[in-house]
Every structure is written in structure tokens, then in C-alpha cells.
């Protein structure tokens, strides 16, 4: 087990403290659980993107891109 120190905005810490009390656990337990869940979700999303990317084919991408008309973007769609 490792220990970390983190600076949190006061309102966030107050929310965590209140939630931990409501759930009957320590702030440390709640923070560990929340970080574990976030990292798990993050890793799952990365695997999904990698899997989808592996199915991609450059030739199909180029063919789809070739169908996009070469016109000036609408005023609100321009990248400035």
C-alpha cells in the first residue's frame, strides 16, 4: 500500500468528508475507492478506443474523407 498527499479545494474536501461520514467510512477509504473506480473506468475506456482503432483501415478512412465536399466552413464552424 502506498501513501499520497493531495491538495483539494475546500468545497471538494468538505463534500468528500460529508459523503464518507454518510457512508460510514474514513475519508481515506472513500478517496481510495473513488480513485480506484476512476482509474478502472479510464483504463476500460482506453482499451475500448484501442480496440476500435485496431479495426480501422486507412483506405476506408481516405474513401470516406474523399466524399466530404471541399467547401469553406460555415462562419461558426471556422477554426480561428
C-alpha atoms as a PDB file:
ATOM      1  CA  UNK A   1       0.000   0.000   0.000  1.00  0.00           C
ATOM      2  CA  UNK A   2       1.317   3.473  -0.867  1.00  0.00           C
ATOM      3  CA  UNK A   3       0.515   6.848   0.609  1.00  0.00           C
ATOM      4  CA  UNK A   4      -0.146  10.011  -1.361  1.00  0.00           C
ATOM      5  CA  UNK A   5      -0.730  13.612  -0.369  1.00  0.00           C
ATOM      6  CA  UNK A   6      -3.128  15.658  -2.456  1.00  0.00           C
ATOM      7  CA  UNK A   7      -4.256  19.269  -2.350  1.00  0.00           C
ATOM      8  CA  UNK A   8      -8.021  19.555  -2.810  1.00  0.00           C
ATOM      9  CA  UNK A   9     -10.214  22.631  -2.970  1.00  0.00           C
ATOM     10  CA  UNK A  10     -12.034  23.122   0.335  1.00  0.00           C
ATOM     11  CA  UNK A  11     -15.517  22.546  -1.144  1.00  0.00           C
ATOM     12  CA  UNK A  12     -14.393  19.219  -2.643  1.00  0.00           C
ATOM     13  CA  UNK A  13     -12.853  18.082   0.635  1.00  0.00           C
ATOM     14  CA  UNK A  14     -15.996  19.061   2.540  1.00  0.00           C
ATOM     15  CA  UNK A  15     -18.093  17.027   0.110  1.00  0.00           C
ATOM     16  CA  UNK A  16     -15.787  14.031   0.439  1.00  0.00           C
ATOM     17  CA  UNK A  17     -15.815  14.292   4.220  1.00  0.00           C
ATOM     18  CA  UNK A  18     -19.623  14.513   4.306  1.00  0.00           C
ATOM     19  CA  UNK A  19     -20.021  11.566   1.924  1.00  0.00           C
ATOM     20  CA  UNK A  20     -17.537   9.467   3.896  1.00  0.00           C
ATOM     21  CA  UNK A  21     -19.453  10.150   7.112  1.00  0.00           C
ATOM     22  CA  UNK A  22     -22.737   9.306   5.379  1.00  0.00           C
ATOM     23  CA  UNK A  23     -21.305   6.034   4.080  1.00  0.00           C
ATOM     24  CA  UNK A  24     -19.664   5.150   7.401  1.00  0.00           C
ATOM     25  CA  UNK A  25     -16.106   5.128   6.141  1.00  0.00           C
ATOM     26  CA  UNK A  26     -12.991   7.211   6.523  1.00  0.00           C
ATOM     27  CA  UNK A  27     -12.037   9.940   4.074  1.00  0.00           C
ATOM     28  CA  UNK A  28      -9.022   7.828   3.144  1.00  0.00           C
ATOM     29  CA  UNK A  29     -11.200   4.783   2.357  1.00  0.00           C
ATOM     30  CA  UNK A  30     -13.576   6.868   0.248  1.00  0.00           C
ATOM     31  CA  UNK A  31     -10.710   8.539  -1.625  1.00  0.00           C
ATOM     32  CA  UNK A  32      -9.071   5.169  -2.290  1.00  0.00           C
ATOM     33  CA  UNK A  33     -12.346   3.724  -3.581  1.00  0.00           C
ATOM     34  CA  UNK A  34     -13.065   6.744  -5.777  1.00  0.00           C
ATOM     35  CA  UNK A  35      -9.561   6.770  -7.268  1.00  0.00           C
ATOM     36  CA  UNK A  36      -9.686   3.010  -7.898  1.00  0.00           C
ATOM     37  CA  UNK A  37     -13.022   3.322  -9.710  1.00  0.00           C
ATOM     38  CA  UNK A  38     -11.823   6.290 -11.774  1.00  0.00           C
ATOM     39  CA  UNK A  39      -8.628   4.524 -12.830  1.00  0.00           C
ATOM     40  CA  UNK A  40     -10.581   1.386 -13.731  1.00  0.00           C
ATOM     41  CA  UNK A  41     -13.011   3.367 -15.871  1.00  0.00           C
ATOM     42  CA  UNK A  42     -10.152   5.275 -17.501  1.00  0.00           C
ATOM     43  CA  UNK A  43      -8.342   2.041 -18.385  1.00  0.00           C
ATOM     44  CA  UNK A  44     -11.546   0.492 -19.731  1.00  0.00           C
ATOM     45  CA  UNK A  45     -12.138   3.489 -21.979  1.00  0.00           C
ATOM     46  CA  UNK A  46      -8.560   3.350 -23.264  1.00  0.00           C
ATOM     47  CA  UNK A  47      -8.980  -0.347 -24.128  1.00  0.00           C
ATOM     48  CA  UNK A  48     -12.214   0.405 -25.987  1.00  0.00           C
ATOM     49  CA  UNK A  49     -10.502   3.108 -28.065  1.00  0.00           C
ATOM     50  CA  UNK A  50      -7.544   0.830 -28.812  1.00  0.00           C
ATOM     51  CA  UNK A  51      -9.860  -1.984 -29.889  1.00  0.00           C
ATOM     52  CA  UNK A  52     -11.872   0.299 -32.163  1.00  0.00           C
ATOM     53  CA  UNK A  53      -8.711   1.808 -33.628  1.00  0.00           C
ATOM     54  CA  UNK A  54      -7.375  -1.651 -34.419  1.00  0.00           C
ATOM     55  CA  UNK A  55     -10.413  -2.296 -36.641  1.00  0.00           C
ATOM     56  CA  UNK A  56      -9.835   0.856 -38.664  1.00  0.00           C
ATOM     57  CA  UNK A  57      -8.500   0.797 -42.199  1.00  0.00           C
ATOM     58  CA  UNK A  58      -6.696   3.760 -43.739  1.00  0.00           C
ATOM     59  CA  UNK A  59      -8.165   3.083 -47.189  1.00  0.00           C
ATOM     60  CA  UNK A  60     -11.731   3.232 -45.825  1.00  0.00           C
ATOM     61  CA  UNK A  61     -10.926   6.448 -43.953  1.00  0.00           C
ATOM     62  CA  UNK A  62      -9.467   8.031 -47.083  1.00  0.00           C
ATOM     63  CA  UNK A  63     -12.523   6.944 -49.117  1.00  0.00           C
ATOM     64  CA  UNK A  64     -14.894   8.492 -46.569  1.00  0.00           C
ATOM     65  CA  UNK A  65     -12.830  11.675 -46.412  1.00  0.00           C
ATOM     66  CA  UNK A  66     -12.873  11.928 -50.215  1.00  0.00           C
ATOM     67  CA  UNK A  67     -16.687  12.161 -50.059  1.00  0.00           C
ATOM     68  CA  UNK A  68     -16.565  15.329 -47.920  1.00  0.00           C
ATOM     69  CA  UNK A  69     -17.093  18.383 -50.117  1.00  0.00           C
ATOM     70  CA  UNK A  70     -14.224  20.855 -50.304  1.00  0.00           C
ATOM     71  CA  UNK A  71     -16.142  23.970 -49.271  1.00  0.00           C
ATOM     72  CA  UNK A  72     -15.457  26.807 -46.878  1.00  0.00           C
ATOM     73  CA  UNK A  73     -16.891  26.064 -43.404  1.00  0.00           C
ATOM     74  CA  UNK A  74     -19.884  27.953 -42.061  1.00  0.00           C
ATOM     75  CA  UNK A  75     -18.986  31.094 -40.143  1.00  0.00           C
ATOM     76  CA  UNK A  76     -19.473  29.467 -36.721  1.00  0.00           C
ATOM     77  CA  UNK A  77     -17.516  26.337 -37.697  1.00  0.00           C
ATOM     78  CA  UNK A  78     -14.219  28.008 -38.576  1.00  0.00           C
ATOM     79  CA  UNK A  79     -11.118  27.332 -36.507  1.00  0.00           C
ATOM     80  CA  UNK A  80      -9.526  30.646 -35.733  1.00  0.00           C
END
